Amino acid sequence: EKALKLLSTWEICVRYFQTCGNVHVLKPNYVCFFGYPSFKYSHPHHFLKTTAALRGQVVQFKLSDIGEGIREVTVKEWYVKEGDTVSQFDSICEVQSDKASVTITSRYDGVIKKLYYNLDDIAYVGKPLVDIETEALKDSEEDVVETPAVSHDEHTHQEIKGRKTLATPAVRRLAMENNIKLSEVVGSGKDGRILKEDILNYLEKQTGAILPPSPKAEIMPPPPKPKDMTIPIPVSKPPVFTGKDKTEPIKGFQKAMVKTMSAALKIPHFGYCDEVDLTELVKLREELKPIAFARGIKLSFMPFFLKAVSLGLLQFPILNASVDENCQNITYKASHNIGIAMDTEQGLIVPNVKNVQICSIFDIATELNRLQKLGSVGQLSTTDLTGGTFTLSNIGSIGGTYTKPVILPPEVAIGALGSIKAIPRFNQKGEVYKAQIVNVSWSADHRVIDGATMSRFSNLWKSYLENPAFMLLDLK
């Protein structure tokens, strides 16, 4: 009778487990165990492991086509490592082409099984980036899927369970290293953006850990010199140099510059230089700087230079044009997308301010502030770096007086500014005064632009800067 009772009870348990084939966690108060319902569990236990966990498929995550004809990129940073668990829209890595930085995001929920590249390796479009073990792959899908590319305009936006979380890659990396879910952290930044301080505060509340203060170096006084100490005569030895040459591939923005400058060699450059008295403009800027600062914008001389260029291009549209590769056709550009040569840690880049012809001085200053901020951290988008129609280089911010700028094909003209210097000059009365002088150097494509056109344009641009009030007559 006891044997029949035990067998009946075991049969009931087996049937219960068979009907719960997809159950991963059991939460009973009393669990039937070989007919003895006396084992009580007050907490959930992983009592059985189903076959669903064994059906995970490993998919190769390929680098998709980023656009702009880009076929290869440099891996700049990994946000995951082998064994990490990722969800949809989580950042996988950051890559950099010769035009912009791009963040690659995950399409599936799963586990990272393999990274195909190390930092600074070259990754190719269509080749695998990572292997992901996922259960979300449908039978109808291929074994190999491609990952979508997200430009840095959008890299701080992350979808987590239906709501948008704002966080930079550095903050997400900090959260990942400490196993913190961003969805559980309350952001204190603008529009709920999660800051580094929010992660540290959350970590302190969870663990009670407080970051130790940085140790201060103890200053030790030099030992006193004995009066009778004998100073040894040093034995001179020939210096031994152990350094070695290093060869590395040209990549990133530097590789783009090789391509652009090689094409520029085919252009016959015409040079023209002049000096501009910025005394009145310096006074005007000093009056406007506090007003712009109150609006949260740093006002430099560059917005005035760009607006004066745009007003000049309205009178000389051939300078805002482009030619085809064989110089058989010329296209006059309607928009004044004026590029600014910018020196960054990644190399020379030339973002451009779009539609300067319809922008105010303050609008231009605002856009320049944005471009300089993104350029300093290497996060300019492809849109920021393409579509330029004319270029102005402010090499004087580093130093120098004269330069010979190189045209950026397919543009036909470029200008470069030296540093502003206080130099004595004579006024109309023959009196000596302190003048703020800057030298400008222009280069133009002599196949389509003659010297007289470049000179007239420069004189008009110069008149706007020497007499800033003149710009009011032509502003629209």
Protein backbone atom coordinates (compact mmCIF):
# COMPACT_ATOMS: atom_id res chain seq x y z
CA GLU A 1 0.00 0.00 0.00
CA LYS A 2 2.88 2.42 0.86
CA ALA A 3 4.61 1.52 -2.39
CA LEU A 4 1.41 2.25 -4.39
CA LYS A 5 1.01 5.57 -2.57
CA LEU A 6 4.63 6.54 -3.27
CA LEU A 7 4.31 5.58 -6.95
CA SER A 8 1.06 7.57 -7.31
CA THR A 9 2.60 10.64 -5.72
CA TRP A 10 5.70 10.43 -7.97
CA GLU A 11 3.42 10.12 -11.03
CA ILE A 12 1.59 13.31 -10.02
CA CYS A 13 4.91 15.17 -9.63
CA VAL A 14 6.14 13.96 -13.01
CA ARG A 15 2.91 15.06 -14.71
CA TYR A 16 3.18 18.46 -13.00
CA PHE A 17 6.73 18.95 -14.28
CA GLN A 18 5.72 17.80 -17.76
CA THR A 19 2.96 20.42 -17.97
CA CYS A 20 5.43 23.10 -16.88
CA GLY A 21 8.07 22.42 -19.49
CA ASN A 22 8.74 26.12 -20.03
CA VAL A 23 9.05 26.98 -16.34
CA HIS A 24 12.51 28.13 -15.23
CA VAL A 25 11.77 29.00 -11.61
CA LEU A 26 9.36 27.32 -9.20
CA LYS A 27 7.99 29.26 -6.24
CA PRO A 28 5.93 26.77 -4.18
CA ASN A 29 5.42 26.96 -0.43
CA TYR A 30 5.38 23.15 -0.32
CA VAL A 31 7.19 21.04 -2.86
CA CYS A 32 6.29 17.41 -3.43
CA PHE A 33 9.53 15.45 -3.15
CA PHE A 34 9.14 11.69 -3.58
CA GLY A 35 5.77 11.88 -1.86
CA TYR A 36 6.95 13.79 1.23
CA PRO A 37 5.39 17.27 1.27
CA SER A 38 7.43 18.35 4.26
CA PHE A 39 10.19 20.39 2.55
CA LYS A 40 9.13 24.03 2.81
CA TYR A 41 10.88 26.77 0.81
CA SER A 42 10.24 30.42 1.61
CA HIS A 43 12.38 31.68 -1.31
CA PRO A 44 12.29 30.91 -5.04
CA HIS A 45 14.66 28.17 -6.19
CA HIS A 46 15.95 27.27 -9.66
CA PHE A 47 14.54 23.79 -9.31
CA LEU A 48 14.75 22.62 -12.90
CA LYS A 49 16.50 23.70 -16.09
CA THR A 50 14.46 23.45 -19.29
CA THR A 51 15.71 22.71 -22.74
CA ALA A 52 14.87 26.29 -23.86
CA ALA A 53 18.19 27.51 -22.48
CA LEU A 54 19.97 25.01 -24.66
CA ARG A 55 18.44 26.29 -27.89
CA GLY A 56 20.53 29.55 -28.02
CA GLN A 57 22.07 30.16 -31.45
CA VAL A 58 25.35 31.97 -32.06
CA VAL A 59 24.98 34.61 -34.78
CA GLN A 60 27.72 36.60 -36.46
CA PHE A 61 27.04 40.31 -36.06
CA LYS A 62 28.29 42.01 -39.24
CA LEU A 63 29.27 45.66 -39.74
CA SER A 64 26.60 47.20 -41.93
CA ASP A 65 27.09 49.78 -44.68
CA ILE A 66 27.61 53.16 -42.96
CA GLY A 67 27.16 55.11 -46.20
CA GLU A 68 29.24 57.75 -47.99
CA GLY A 69 31.13 54.95 -49.77
CA ILE A 70 32.92 53.95 -46.55
CA ARG A 71 34.32 50.41 -46.75
CA GLU A 72 36.51 50.28 -43.62
CA VAL A 73 36.55 51.82 -40.14
CA THR A 74 38.85 51.87 -37.11
CA VAL A 75 37.61 50.30 -33.84
CA LYS A 76 38.11 53.06 -31.26
CA GLU A 77 36.37 51.61 -28.18
CA TRP A 78 34.59 48.44 -27.07
CA TYR A 79 31.61 48.83 -24.72
CA VAL A 80 31.33 45.04 -24.18
CA LYS A 81 33.63 42.09 -23.59
CA GLU A 82 33.27 38.35 -24.08
CA GLY A 83 30.70 36.91 -21.70
CA ASP A 84 28.74 40.16 -21.28
CA THR A 85 24.96 40.13 -21.59
CA VAL A 86 23.49 42.71 -23.99
CA SER A 87 19.99 43.87 -24.82
CA GLN A 88 18.56 45.43 -27.92
CA PHE A 89 19.86 48.99 -28.55
CA ASP A 90 22.81 48.52 -26.15
CA SER A 91 26.05 49.98 -27.50
CA ILE A 92 28.51 47.38 -28.82
CA CYS A 93 31.45 49.53 -29.91
CA GLU A 94 32.50 52.87 -31.36
CA VAL A 95 34.15 53.00 -34.77
CA GLN A 96 35.68 55.87 -36.70
CA SER A 97 35.78 56.30 -40.45
CA ASP A 98 37.69 58.96 -42.33
CA LYS A 99 34.62 61.20 -42.01
CA ALA A 100 32.90 60.65 -38.66
CA SER A 101 32.58 58.54 -35.51
CA VAL A 102 29.74 55.99 -35.34
CA THR A 103 28.33 53.95 -32.44
CA ILE A 104 27.25 50.37 -33.30
CA THR A 105 24.26 49.05 -31.31
CA SER A 106 22.92 45.54 -30.68
CA ARG A 107 19.89 44.15 -32.46
CA TYR A 108 19.33 41.19 -30.15
CA ASP A 109 19.21 40.19 -26.53
CA GLY A 110 21.98 37.71 -25.84
CA VAL A 111 25.53 36.98 -24.65
CA ILE A 112 28.73 38.19 -26.34
CA LYS A 113 30.73 35.10 -27.31
CA LYS A 114 33.57 36.56 -29.40
CA LEU A 115 35.12 39.92 -30.35
CA TYR A 116 36.69 39.88 -33.80
CA TYR A 117 38.86 43.01 -33.42
CA ASN A 118 41.15 44.69 -30.92
CA LEU A 119 41.31 48.45 -30.33
CA ASP A 120 42.63 50.42 -33.34
CA ASP A 121 42.14 47.43 -35.65
CA ILE A 122 40.61 48.04 -39.08
CA ALA A 123 37.09 46.59 -39.43
CA TYR A 124 35.55 46.06 -42.86
CA VAL A 125 31.93 46.54 -43.96
CA GLY A 126 30.21 43.20 -44.35
CA LYS A 127 32.62 41.37 -42.02
CA PRO A 128 31.68 40.11 -38.52
CA LEU A 129 32.20 42.37 -35.52
CA VAL A 130 31.08 40.02 -32.72
CA ASP A 131 29.38 36.68 -32.14
CA ILE A 132 26.20 36.82 -30.04
CA GLU A 133 24.43 33.83 -28.52
CA THR A 134 20.73 34.64 -28.65
CA GLU A 135 17.40 32.88 -28.28
CA ALA A 136 15.56 35.61 -30.20
CA LEU A 137 16.63 34.38 -33.65
CA LYS A 138 13.62 33.15 -35.59
CA ASP A 139 13.76 30.04 -37.75
CA SER A 140 13.09 32.13 -40.86
CA GLU A 141 16.03 34.45 -40.24
CA GLU A 142 19.53 33.90 -41.56
CA ASP A 143 22.37 32.86 -39.31
CA VAL A 144 24.18 36.10 -40.07
CA VAL A 145 22.58 39.45 -39.38
CA GLU A 146 23.91 42.99 -39.73
CA THR A 147 24.00 45.61 -37.04
CA PRO A 148 22.53 49.08 -37.59
CA ALA A 149 24.89 52.04 -37.33
CA VAL A 150 23.89 55.00 -35.17
CA SER A 151 25.66 58.33 -35.73
CA HIS A 152 26.99 60.32 -32.78
CA ASP A 153 24.06 62.74 -33.18
CA GLU A 154 21.98 60.00 -31.56
CA HIS A 155 24.51 58.01 -29.55
CA THR A 156 23.38 59.40 -26.20
CA HIS A 157 19.80 58.14 -26.70
CA GLN A 158 19.16 54.62 -25.49
CA GLU A 159 15.77 52.87 -25.42
CA ILE A 160 15.28 50.82 -22.25
CA LYS A 161 11.95 49.04 -21.72
CA GLY A 162 9.85 51.60 -23.57
CA ARG A 163 11.41 54.78 -22.19
CA LYS A 164 14.34 56.81 -23.47
CA THR A 165 17.45 57.03 -21.29
CA LEU A 166 20.06 59.68 -22.03
CA ALA A 167 23.67 58.81 -21.23
CA THR A 168 27.07 59.22 -22.84
CA PRO A 169 29.21 56.17 -23.77
CA ALA A 170 31.54 56.91 -20.85
CA VAL A 171 28.63 56.84 -18.41
CA ARG A 172 27.24 53.64 -19.93
CA ARG A 173 30.68 52.05 -19.68
CA LEU A 174 30.91 53.02 -15.99
CA ALA A 175 27.48 51.50 -15.37
CA MET A 176 28.41 48.33 -17.25
CA GLU A 177 31.65 47.85 -15.28
CA ASN A 178 29.69 48.07 -12.01
CA ASN A 179 26.76 45.89 -13.21
CA ILE A 180 24.30 48.77 -12.91
CA LYS A 181 21.20 48.97 -15.09
CA LEU A 182 20.66 52.49 -16.43
CA SER A 183 16.90 51.99 -16.13
CA GLU A 184 17.29 51.89 -12.33
CA VAL A 185 19.25 55.17 -12.11
CA VAL A 186 17.51 58.55 -11.86
CA GLY A 187 19.29 61.12 -14.04
CA SER A 188 19.92 64.60 -12.69
CA GLY A 189 21.04 66.15 -16.00
CA LYS A 190 19.03 68.02 -18.59
CA ASP A 191 15.97 66.10 -19.84
CA GLY A 192 16.76 63.33 -17.34
CA ARG A 193 20.27 62.68 -18.69
CA ILE A 194 22.25 60.28 -16.49
CA LEU A 195 25.56 61.80 -15.41
CA LYS A 196 28.67 60.20 -13.99
CA GLU A 197 27.75 61.57 -10.55
CA ASP A 198 24.38 59.79 -10.73
CA ILE A 199 26.15 56.43 -11.26
CA LEU A 200 28.57 57.08 -8.38
CA ASN A 201 25.73 58.14 -6.05
CA TYR A 202 23.74 55.04 -6.99
CA LEU A 203 26.78 52.84 -6.38
CA GLU A 204 27.36 54.47 -2.97
CA LYS A 205 23.75 53.87 -1.92
CA GLN A 206 23.86 50.23 -3.04
CA THR A 207 27.24 49.27 -1.60
CA GLY A 208 28.07 52.02 0.88
CA ALA A 209 31.37 52.49 -0.97
CA ILE A 210 32.84 55.95 -0.99
CA LEU A 211 35.61 56.85 -3.40
CA PRO A 212 38.78 57.50 -1.42
CA PRO A 213 40.34 60.95 -1.71
CA SER A 214 43.40 61.16 -3.92
CA PRO A 215 46.52 60.84 -1.78
CA LYS A 216 48.66 63.92 -1.41
CA ALA A 217 52.34 63.60 -1.94
CA GLU A 218 54.26 64.14 1.24
CA ILE A 219 56.94 66.78 0.84
CA MET A 220 60.18 65.61 2.37
CA PRO A 221 62.85 68.19 3.16
CA PRO A 222 66.24 67.54 1.60
CA PRO A 223 68.77 65.96 3.97
CA PRO A 224 71.30 68.39 5.38
CA LYS A 225 74.68 68.39 3.72
CA PRO A 226 77.58 67.56 6.02
CA LYS A 227 80.25 70.22 6.05
CA ASP A 228 83.03 67.73 5.44
CA MET A 229 81.23 65.81 2.67
CA THR A 230 83.43 65.11 -0.31
CA ILE A 231 81.73 65.67 -3.65
CA PRO A 232 82.60 62.77 -6.00
CA ILE A 233 83.74 63.60 -9.50
CA PRO A 234 81.25 62.04 -11.97
CA VAL A 235 82.63 59.66 -14.56
CA SER A 236 81.33 60.68 -17.98
CA LYS A 237 79.91 57.90 -20.11
CA PRO A 238 78.71 58.21 -23.68
CA PRO A 239 74.89 58.30 -23.83
CA VAL A 240 73.19 55.18 -25.10
CA PHE A 241 70.01 55.64 -27.12
CA THR A 242 67.72 52.61 -27.26
CA GLY A 243 64.78 54.05 -29.21
CA LYS A 244 63.48 52.30 -32.33
CA ASP A 245 61.64 53.51 -35.42
CA LYS A 246 57.94 52.70 -35.57
CA THR A 247 55.81 52.19 -38.66
CA GLU A 248 52.03 52.35 -38.50
CA PRO A 249 49.27 52.59 -41.13
CA ILE A 250 47.69 55.91 -42.04
CA LYS A 251 44.03 55.84 -41.02
CA GLY A 252 41.09 57.93 -39.82
CA PHE A 253 40.93 61.61 -40.69
CA GLN A 254 44.60 61.54 -41.72
CA LYS A 255 43.78 59.02 -44.44
CA ALA A 256 41.00 61.30 -45.70
CA MET A 257 43.48 64.20 -45.82
CA VAL A 258 45.85 62.13 -47.99
CA LYS A 259 43.07 61.57 -50.50
CA THR A 260 41.90 65.20 -50.49
CA MET A 261 45.35 66.76 -50.75
CA SER A 262 46.34 64.41 -53.56
CA ALA A 263 43.34 65.64 -55.54
CA ALA A 264 44.19 69.27 -54.67
CA LEU A 265 47.58 68.89 -56.38
CA LYS A 266 45.75 68.89 -59.74
CA ILE A 267 44.40 72.42 -59.10
CA PRO A 268 46.46 75.43 -60.30
CA HIS A 269 46.39 77.69 -57.22
CA PHE A 270 46.30 81.47 -57.45
CA GLY A 271 47.40 83.30 -54.29
CA TYR A 272 46.38 86.74 -53.01
CA CYS A 273 47.26 88.38 -49.66
CA ASP A 274 46.21 91.54 -47.84
CA GLU A 275 46.04 93.00 -44.34
CA VAL A 276 42.89 94.11 -42.53
CA ASP A 277 42.56 96.71 -39.76
CA LEU A 278 40.24 95.17 -37.14
CA THR A 279 40.46 98.05 -34.65
CA GLU A 280 36.74 98.90 -34.89
CA LEU A 281 35.70 95.24 -34.92
CA VAL A 282 37.75 94.58 -31.77
CA LYS A 283 35.85 97.35 -29.98
CA LEU A 284 32.47 96.05 -31.21
CA ARG A 285 33.23 92.49 -30.11
CA GLU A 286 34.21 93.66 -26.62
CA GLU A 287 30.79 95.34 -26.32
CA LEU A 288 28.91 92.24 -27.54
CA LYS A 289 30.86 89.56 -25.64
CA PRO A 290 29.01 90.05 -22.30
CA ILE A 291 25.64 89.93 -24.08
CA ALA A 292 26.52 86.70 -25.88
CA PHE A 293 27.98 85.23 -22.68
CA ALA A 294 24.70 85.96 -20.88
CA ARG A 295 23.02 83.81 -23.53
CA GLY A 296 25.52 81.02 -22.93
CA ILE A 297 27.57 81.58 -26.09
CA LYS A 298 31.26 82.38 -26.49
CA LEU A 299 31.62 85.12 -29.13
CA SER A 300 34.86 85.04 -31.13
CA PHE A 301 35.89 86.96 -34.26
CA MET A 302 35.07 83.99 -36.52
CA PRO A 303 31.27 84.65 -36.76
CA PHE A 304 32.03 88.15 -38.12
CA PHE A 305 34.56 86.72 -40.59
CA LEU A 306 32.07 84.09 -41.83
CA LYS A 307 29.20 86.56 -42.22
CA ALA A 308 31.44 88.98 -44.13
CA VAL A 309 32.46 86.11 -46.44
CA SER A 310 28.80 85.23 -47.06
CA LEU A 311 27.93 88.85 -47.92
CA GLY A 312 30.87 88.89 -50.34
CA LEU A 313 29.78 85.61 -51.96
CA LEU A 314 26.40 87.18 -52.76
CA GLN A 315 28.27 89.67 -54.98
CA PHE A 316 30.77 87.10 -56.36
CA PRO A 317 28.86 83.77 -56.61
CA ILE A 318 31.58 82.12 -58.72
CA LEU A 319 33.66 81.79 -55.52
CA ASN A 320 30.83 79.69 -53.99
CA ALA A 321 30.91 77.13 -56.77
CA SER A 322 32.31 73.69 -57.56
CA VAL A 323 33.73 72.06 -60.67
CA ASP A 324 33.65 68.45 -61.84
CA GLU A 325 36.74 66.25 -61.93
CA ASN A 326 37.68 67.20 -65.51
CA CYS A 327 36.71 70.87 -65.01
CA GLN A 328 34.13 70.72 -67.80
CA ASN A 329 31.17 71.99 -65.76
CA ILE A 330 30.78 74.52 -62.94
CA THR A 331 27.94 74.43 -60.39
CA TYR A 332 26.95 77.60 -58.54
CA LYS A 333 25.88 76.68 -55.00
CA ALA A 334 22.77 78.32 -53.56
CA SER A 335 23.71 77.65 -49.93
CA HIS A 336 26.72 79.22 -48.24
CA ASN A 337 28.03 76.21 -46.28
CA ILE A 338 31.28 77.71 -45.04
CA GLY A 339 33.83 75.27 -43.63
CA ILE A 340 36.17 76.01 -40.72
CA ALA A 341 39.50 74.19 -40.58
CA MET A 342 39.80 72.77 -37.07
CA ASP A 343 42.84 71.27 -35.35
CA THR A 344 41.89 68.29 -33.13
CA GLU A 345 43.60 65.33 -31.49
CA GLN A 346 42.34 63.18 -34.39
CA GLY A 347 43.96 65.51 -36.94
CA LEU A 348 42.74 68.23 -39.30
CA ILE A 349 38.96 68.28 -39.79
CA VAL A 350 36.78 70.78 -41.66
CA PRO A 351 33.17 70.94 -40.41
CA ASN A 352 30.96 73.59 -41.96
CA VAL A 353 28.28 76.04 -40.84
CA LYS A 354 25.21 75.48 -43.01
CA ASN A 355 23.33 78.32 -44.78
CA VAL A 356 25.37 81.22 -43.43
CA GLN A 357 23.52 83.52 -45.85
CA ILE A 358 20.37 83.33 -43.68
CA CYS A 359 22.07 83.26 -40.27
CA SER A 360 22.66 86.13 -37.87
CA ILE A 361 26.00 86.72 -36.16
CA PHE A 362 24.61 85.11 -33.01
CA ASP A 363 23.26 82.10 -34.98
CA ILE A 364 26.71 81.53 -36.48
CA ALA A 365 28.39 81.85 -33.06
CA THR A 366 25.97 79.28 -31.60
CA GLU A 367 26.68 76.77 -34.37
CA LEU A 368 30.45 77.32 -34.09
CA ASN A 369 30.28 76.61 -30.34
CA ARG A 370 28.48 73.33 -31.08
CA LEU A 371 30.94 72.23 -33.79
CA GLN A 372 33.99 73.08 -31.67
CA LYS A 373 32.61 71.14 -28.69
CA LEU A 374 31.90 68.03 -30.76
CA GLY A 375 35.16 68.32 -32.69
CA SER A 376 37.23 68.40 -29.51
CA VAL A 377 35.89 64.97 -28.50
CA GLY A 378 35.77 63.47 -32.00
CA GLN A 379 31.98 63.24 -32.21
CA LEU A 380 31.22 65.27 -35.35
CA SER A 381 28.68 63.62 -37.63
CA THR A 382 28.99 63.01 -41.37
CA THR A 383 26.48 65.82 -41.97
CA ASP A 384 28.71 68.28 -40.13
CA LEU A 385 31.75 67.29 -42.21
CA THR A 386 30.23 67.21 -45.71
CA GLY A 387 28.53 69.63 -48.09
CA GLY A 388 30.95 72.55 -47.73
CA THR A 389 31.06 75.21 -50.49
CA PHE A 390 33.80 77.59 -49.22
CA THR A 391 36.45 77.27 -46.50
CA LEU A 392 38.08 79.65 -44.03
CA SER A 393 41.06 78.61 -41.88
CA ASN A 394 41.96 80.49 -38.69
CA ILE A 395 45.57 79.33 -38.41
CA GLY A 396 46.30 82.50 -36.47
CA SER A 397 44.68 80.99 -33.37
CA ILE A 398 47.84 78.86 -33.14
CA GLY A 399 50.30 81.40 -34.52
CA GLY A 400 51.78 82.80 -37.69
CA THR A 401 51.10 85.73 -40.00
CA TYR A 402 51.07 84.41 -43.57
CA THR A 403 50.11 81.07 -45.04
CA LYS A 404 49.35 79.40 -48.35
CA PRO A 405 46.04 77.57 -47.94
CA VAL A 406 45.26 74.55 -50.11
CA ILE A 407 41.86 74.35 -51.83
CA LEU A 408 39.56 71.47 -50.78
CA PRO A 409 38.14 69.89 -53.98
CA PRO A 410 35.57 70.32 -55.44
CA GLU A 411 35.54 73.86 -53.96
CA VAL A 412 37.26 76.66 -55.90
CA ALA A 413 38.46 79.05 -53.15
CA ILE A 414 39.76 79.13 -49.58
CA GLY A 415 40.98 81.79 -47.14
CA ALA A 416 43.37 81.65 -44.17
CA LEU A 417 43.79 84.19 -41.36
CA GLY A 418 46.92 84.97 -39.39
CA SER A 419 47.07 86.10 -35.78
CA ILE A 420 45.80 89.56 -34.77
CA LYS A 421 48.68 91.84 -33.78
CA ALA A 422 48.86 95.37 -32.39
CA ILE A 423 50.93 97.37 -34.90
CA PRO A 424 51.50 101.14 -35.23
CA ARG A 425 49.72 102.69 -38.21
CA PHE A 426 48.99 106.18 -39.53
CA ASN A 427 45.43 107.50 -39.67
CA GLN A 428 44.10 109.95 -42.31
CA LYS A 429 45.49 112.87 -40.32
CA GLY A 430 48.99 111.41 -40.29
CA GLU A 431 48.80 110.53 -36.62
CA VAL A 432 50.19 107.28 -35.29
CA TYR A 433 47.71 105.01 -33.56
CA LYS A 434 47.60 101.45 -32.22
CA ALA A 435 45.98 99.30 -34.93
CA GLN A 436 44.76 95.70 -34.60
CA ILE A 437 46.02 94.11 -37.83
CA VAL A 438 45.32 90.66 -39.25
CA ASN A 439 46.73 89.26 -42.49
CA VAL A 440 44.55 87.23 -44.83
CA SER A 441 45.77 84.83 -47.54
CA TRP A 442 43.43 83.65 -50.29
CA SER A 443 43.85 80.76 -52.74
CA ALA A 444 41.61 80.28 -55.78
CA ASP A 445 41.30 77.81 -58.65
CA HIS A 446 42.93 79.74 -61.49
CA ARG A 447 41.12 77.62 -64.07
CA VAL A 448 37.82 79.38 -63.32
CA ILE A 449 38.75 82.41 -61.14
CA ASP A 450 40.97 85.28 -62.24
CA GLY A 451 43.02 87.57 -60.02
CA ALA A 452 40.74 90.58 -60.44
CA THR A 453 37.72 88.66 -59.10
CA MET A 454 39.62 87.44 -56.06
CA SER A 455 40.95 90.95 -55.37
CA ARG A 456 37.50 92.61 -55.59
CA PHE A 457 36.00 89.97 -53.30
CA SER A 458 38.81 90.47 -50.76
CA ASN A 459 38.36 94.27 -50.82
CA LEU A 460 34.61 93.92 -50.16
CA TRP A 461 35.20 91.42 -47.33
CA LYS A 462 37.84 93.76 -45.88
CA SER A 463 35.48 96.76 -45.95
CA TYR A 464 32.86 94.89 -43.91
CA LEU A 465 35.38 94.04 -41.19
CA GLU A 466 37.10 97.44 -41.04
CA ASN A 467 33.68 99.14 -40.84
CA PRO A 468 31.35 96.64 -39.13
CA ALA A 469 28.40 99.05 -39.43
CA PHE A 470 28.53 98.53 -43.22
CA MET A 471 27.31 94.97 -42.73
CA LEU A 472 24.00 96.31 -41.42
CA LEU A 473 23.23 97.71 -44.87
CA ASP A 474 23.38 94.28 -46.52
CA LEU A 475 22.12 92.00 -43.73
CA LYS A 476 18.87 90.19 -44.54
